Amino acid sequence: MITPDDKPASTRPRLGGGIFLFGGLLAGSVAGVALNEPSIGMIAGFGVGGALAILLWLFDRSRGQEGR
């Protein structure tokens, strides 16, 4: 049972990085098609998008700890 004293660690909304994964895949595929290497472009785009998503997660994680 949840009591009024039970509050989440942070009331700030969490950020999501899924858009970077999707955008990286999309942009990498388009760039790969332009360079006649769609698979390599898609993999590179996924890598860049994944790195951006991880950076956003780390930023959001540190931002949530500051509010405690």
Protein backbone atom coordinates (compact mmCIF):
# COMPACT_ATOMS: atom_id res chain seq x y z
CA MET A 1 0.00 0.00 0.00
CA ILE A 2 1.29 3.44 -0.88
CA THR A 3 1.26 6.01 1.89
CA PRO A 4 1.54 9.78 1.46
CA ASP A 5 5.10 9.59 2.79
CA ASP A 6 6.21 7.42 -0.15
CA LYS A 7 7.47 9.84 -2.79
CA PRO A 8 9.54 9.14 -5.87
CA ALA A 9 13.25 10.00 -5.66
CA SER A 10 12.79 12.81 -8.17
CA THR A 11 9.66 14.60 -9.35
CA ARG A 12 11.33 15.72 -12.58
CA PRO A 13 10.23 13.90 -15.73
CA ARG A 14 12.75 11.45 -17.16
CA LEU A 15 14.27 12.01 -20.59
CA GLY A 16 14.21 9.36 -23.30
CA GLY A 17 16.87 8.78 -25.93
CA GLY A 18 14.98 6.52 -28.32
CA ILE A 19 14.64 9.31 -30.85
CA PHE A 20 18.42 9.33 -31.24
CA LEU A 21 18.43 5.61 -32.04
CA PHE A 22 15.69 6.05 -34.64
CA GLY A 23 17.21 9.22 -36.10
CA GLY A 24 20.65 7.64 -36.26
CA LEU A 25 19.33 4.60 -38.10
CA LEU A 26 17.36 6.76 -40.51
CA ALA A 27 20.13 9.26 -41.21
CA GLY A 28 22.75 6.51 -41.47
CA SER A 29 20.64 4.59 -43.94
CA VAL A 30 20.06 7.67 -46.10
CA ALA A 31 23.76 8.58 -46.01
CA GLY A 32 24.67 4.96 -46.73
CA VAL A 33 22.40 4.83 -49.76
CA ALA A 34 23.99 8.05 -51.04
CA LEU A 35 27.43 6.43 -50.67
CA ASN A 36 26.28 3.02 -52.03
CA GLU A 37 26.86 1.37 -48.61
CA PRO A 38 23.44 1.27 -46.89
CA SER A 39 24.32 -1.46 -44.39
CA ILE A 40 27.48 0.27 -43.19
CA GLY A 41 25.62 3.57 -43.00
CA MET A 42 22.85 2.01 -40.94
CA ILE A 43 25.34 0.42 -38.53
CA ALA A 44 27.27 3.68 -38.21
CA GLY A 45 24.05 5.62 -37.64
CA PHE A 46 22.99 3.14 -34.98
CA GLY A 47 26.36 3.56 -33.27
CA VAL A 48 26.15 7.35 -33.28
CA GLY A 49 22.51 7.32 -32.16
CA GLY A 50 23.32 4.82 -29.42
CA ALA A 51 26.18 6.97 -28.18
CA LEU A 52 23.90 10.02 -28.06
CA ALA A 53 21.23 8.03 -26.21
CA ILE A 54 23.79 6.87 -23.64
CA LEU A 55 25.05 10.43 -23.18
CA LEU A 56 21.49 11.64 -22.64
CA TRP A 57 20.90 8.84 -20.12
CA LEU A 58 24.06 9.78 -18.20
CA PHE A 59 23.05 13.45 -18.22
CA ASP A 60 19.54 12.64 -17.02
CA ARG A 61 20.89 10.32 -14.35
CA SER A 62 23.18 13.01 -12.92
CA ARG A 63 20.37 15.57 -13.15
CA GLY A 64 18.09 13.29 -11.14
CA GLN A 65 20.68 12.81 -8.42
CA GLU A 66 21.10 16.58 -7.99
CA GLY A 67 17.44 16.93 -7.09
CA ARG A 68 17.68 14.59 -4.10
